[in-house]
Amino acid sequence: MNVNRYTCEQVFARLDDFLDRELSAEEMQLVQGHLDHCAACAAEHRFESAVLADVRKKLVRIDLPAGLRSRISDQLLRLQDPPPG
């Protein structure tokens, strides 16, 4: 087996992270290389990508309660800069 290629099982295990661009550059290349040559995995990638795009479109249309965005932003800032101690 060529160690520079991913199997379908390896790609499937990494597909969510690939779609979210959370893999290393090397892993991104390996997954993309597999998708370029495997019709079954490429079809799964297209399906999952379409589902994510649809969810993102629907989320844009949801009205947030007043102040929620700022509370989330404040929490994220606190997580980035934990208190000393």
C-alpha atoms as a PDB file:
ATOM      1  CA  MET A   1       0.000   0.000   0.000  1.00  0.00           C
ATOM      2  CA  ASN A   2       1.254   3.467  -0.843  1.00  0.00           C
ATOM      3  CA  VAL A   3       1.692   5.439   2.383  1.00  0.00           C
ATOM      4  CA  ASN A   4       1.186   8.680   0.442  1.00  0.00           C
ATOM      5  CA  ARG A   5      -2.463   7.860  -0.285  1.00  0.00           C
ATOM      6  CA  TYR A   6      -5.530   7.602   1.897  1.00  0.00           C
ATOM      7  CA  THR A   7      -8.017   4.766   1.688  1.00  0.00           C
ATOM      8  CA  CYS A   8     -11.767   5.403   1.454  1.00  0.00           C
ATOM      9  CA  GLU A   9     -12.054   4.609   5.158  1.00  0.00           C
ATOM     10  CA  GLN A  10      -9.338   7.139   6.048  1.00  0.00           C
ATOM     11  CA  VAL A  11     -10.970   9.821   3.901  1.00  0.00           C
ATOM     12  CA  PHE A  12     -14.403   9.139   5.350  1.00  0.00           C
ATOM     13  CA  ALA A  13     -12.996   9.493   8.884  1.00  0.00           C
ATOM     14  CA  ARG A  14     -11.520  12.898   7.983  1.00  0.00           C
ATOM     15  CA  LEU A  15     -14.247  14.271   5.723  1.00  0.00           C
ATOM     16  CA  ASP A  16     -15.900  16.550   8.300  1.00  0.00           C
ATOM     17  CA  ASP A  17     -12.551  18.064   9.269  1.00  0.00           C
ATOM     18  CA  PHE A  18     -11.661  18.396   5.584  1.00  0.00           C
ATOM     19  CA  LEU A  19     -14.877  20.311   4.916  1.00  0.00           C
ATOM     20  CA  ASP A  20     -14.157  22.552   7.912  1.00  0.00           C
ATOM     21  CA  ARG A  21     -10.521  22.988   6.783  1.00  0.00           C
ATOM     22  CA  GLU A  22      -9.269  21.700  10.131  1.00  0.00           C
ATOM     23  CA  LEU A  23      -6.672  19.251   8.785  1.00  0.00           C
ATOM     24  CA  SER A  24      -2.983  19.867   8.323  1.00  0.00           C
ATOM     25  CA  ALA A  25      -1.885  20.985   4.864  1.00  0.00           C
ATOM     26  CA  GLU A  26      -0.516  17.485   4.206  1.00  0.00           C
ATOM     27  CA  GLU A  27      -3.782  15.806   5.235  1.00  0.00           C
ATOM     28  CA  MET A  28      -5.796  18.261   3.128  1.00  0.00           C
ATOM     29  CA  GLN A  29      -3.689  17.277   0.109  1.00  0.00           C
ATOM     30  CA  LEU A  30      -4.069  13.572   0.816  1.00  0.00           C
ATOM     31  CA  VAL A  31      -7.840  13.815   1.152  1.00  0.00           C
ATOM     32  CA  GLN A  32      -8.126  15.996  -1.952  1.00  0.00           C
ATOM     33  CA  GLY A  33      -5.917  13.588  -3.904  1.00  0.00           C
ATOM     34  CA  HIS A  34      -8.194  10.705  -2.949  1.00  0.00           C
ATOM     35  CA  LEU A  35     -11.323  12.700  -3.839  1.00  0.00           C
ATOM     36  CA  ASP A  36      -9.827  13.490  -7.240  1.00  0.00           C
ATOM     37  CA  HIS A  37      -9.616   9.759  -8.038  1.00  0.00           C
ATOM     38  CA  CYS A  38     -12.460   8.094  -6.111  1.00  0.00           C
ATOM     39  CA  ALA A  39     -15.957   8.692  -7.471  1.00  0.00           C
ATOM     40  CA  ALA A  40     -17.686   7.214  -4.401  1.00  0.00           C
ATOM     41  CA  CYS A  41     -15.829   9.425  -1.919  1.00  0.00           C
ATOM     42  CA  ALA A  42     -16.187  12.459  -4.196  1.00  0.00           C
ATOM     43  CA  ALA A  43     -19.964  11.899  -4.249  1.00  0.00           C
ATOM     44  CA  GLU A  44     -20.048  11.703  -0.445  1.00  0.00           C
ATOM     45  CA  HIS A  45     -17.973  14.899  -0.273  1.00  0.00           C
ATOM     46  CA  ARG A  46     -20.387  16.696  -2.622  1.00  0.00           C
ATOM     47  CA  PHE A  47     -23.371  15.522  -0.559  1.00  0.00           C
ATOM     48  CA  GLU A  48     -21.900  16.592   2.793  1.00  0.00           C
ATOM     49  CA  SER A  49     -20.701  19.884   1.326  1.00  0.00           C
ATOM     50  CA  ALA A  50     -24.210  20.607   0.015  1.00  0.00           C
ATOM     51  CA  VAL A  51     -25.746  19.810   3.413  1.00  0.00           C
ATOM     52  CA  LEU A  52     -23.324  22.205   5.145  1.00  0.00           C
ATOM     53  CA  ALA A  53     -24.029  24.942   2.603  1.00  0.00           C
ATOM     54  CA  ASP A  54     -27.777  24.508   3.139  1.00  0.00           C
ATOM     55  CA  VAL A  55     -27.417  24.678   6.924  1.00  0.00           C
ATOM     56  CA  ARG A  56     -25.277  27.823   6.640  1.00  0.00           C
ATOM     57  CA  LYS A  57     -27.916  29.494   4.444  1.00  0.00           C
ATOM     58  CA  LYS A  58     -30.639  28.660   6.948  1.00  0.00           C
ATOM     59  CA  LEU A  59     -28.588  29.921   9.902  1.00  0.00           C
ATOM     60  CA  VAL A  60     -28.201  33.315   8.257  1.00  0.00           C
ATOM     61  CA  ARG A  61     -31.995  33.701   8.301  1.00  0.00           C
ATOM     62  CA  ILE A  62     -32.372  33.032  12.036  1.00  0.00           C
ATOM     63  CA  ASP A  63     -32.891  36.132  14.168  1.00  0.00           C
ATOM     64  CA  LEU A  64     -30.760  36.122  17.297  1.00  0.00           C
ATOM     65  CA  PRO A  65     -32.177  37.280  20.604  1.00  0.00           C
ATOM     66  CA  ALA A  66     -30.984  40.733  21.633  1.00  0.00           C
ATOM     67  CA  GLY A  67     -27.522  40.646  23.157  1.00  0.00           C
ATOM     68  CA  LEU A  68     -26.761  37.028  22.283  1.00  0.00           C
ATOM     69  CA  ARG A  69     -24.058  37.879  19.764  1.00  0.00           C
ATOM     70  CA  SER A  70     -22.222  40.106  22.259  1.00  0.00           C
ATOM     71  CA  ARG A  71     -22.506  37.493  25.050  1.00  0.00           C
ATOM     72  CA  ILE A  72     -21.008  34.856  22.760  1.00  0.00           C
ATOM     73  CA  SER A  73     -18.262  37.230  21.693  1.00  0.00           C
ATOM     74  CA  ASP A  74     -17.471  38.050  25.335  1.00  0.00           C
ATOM     75  CA  GLN A  75     -17.279  34.340  26.214  1.00  0.00           C
ATOM     76  CA  LEU A  76     -14.944  33.650  23.284  1.00  0.00           C
ATOM     77  CA  LEU A  77     -12.661  36.482  24.349  1.00  0.00           C
ATOM     78  CA  ARG A  78     -12.534  35.091  27.892  1.00  0.00           C
ATOM     79  CA  LEU A  79     -11.598  31.665  26.548  1.00  0.00           C
ATOM     80  CA  GLN A  80      -8.778  33.144  24.478  1.00  0.00           C
ATOM     81  CA  ASP A  81      -7.332  35.091  27.414  1.00  0.00           C
ATOM     82  CA  PRO A  82      -7.752  32.959  30.543  1.00  0.00           C
ATOM     83  CA  PRO A  83      -7.270  34.773  33.858  1.00  0.00           C
ATOM     84  CA  PRO A  84      -3.781  34.525  35.367  1.00  0.00           C
ATOM     85  CA  GLY A  85      -3.309  32.083  38.129  1.00  0.00           C
END
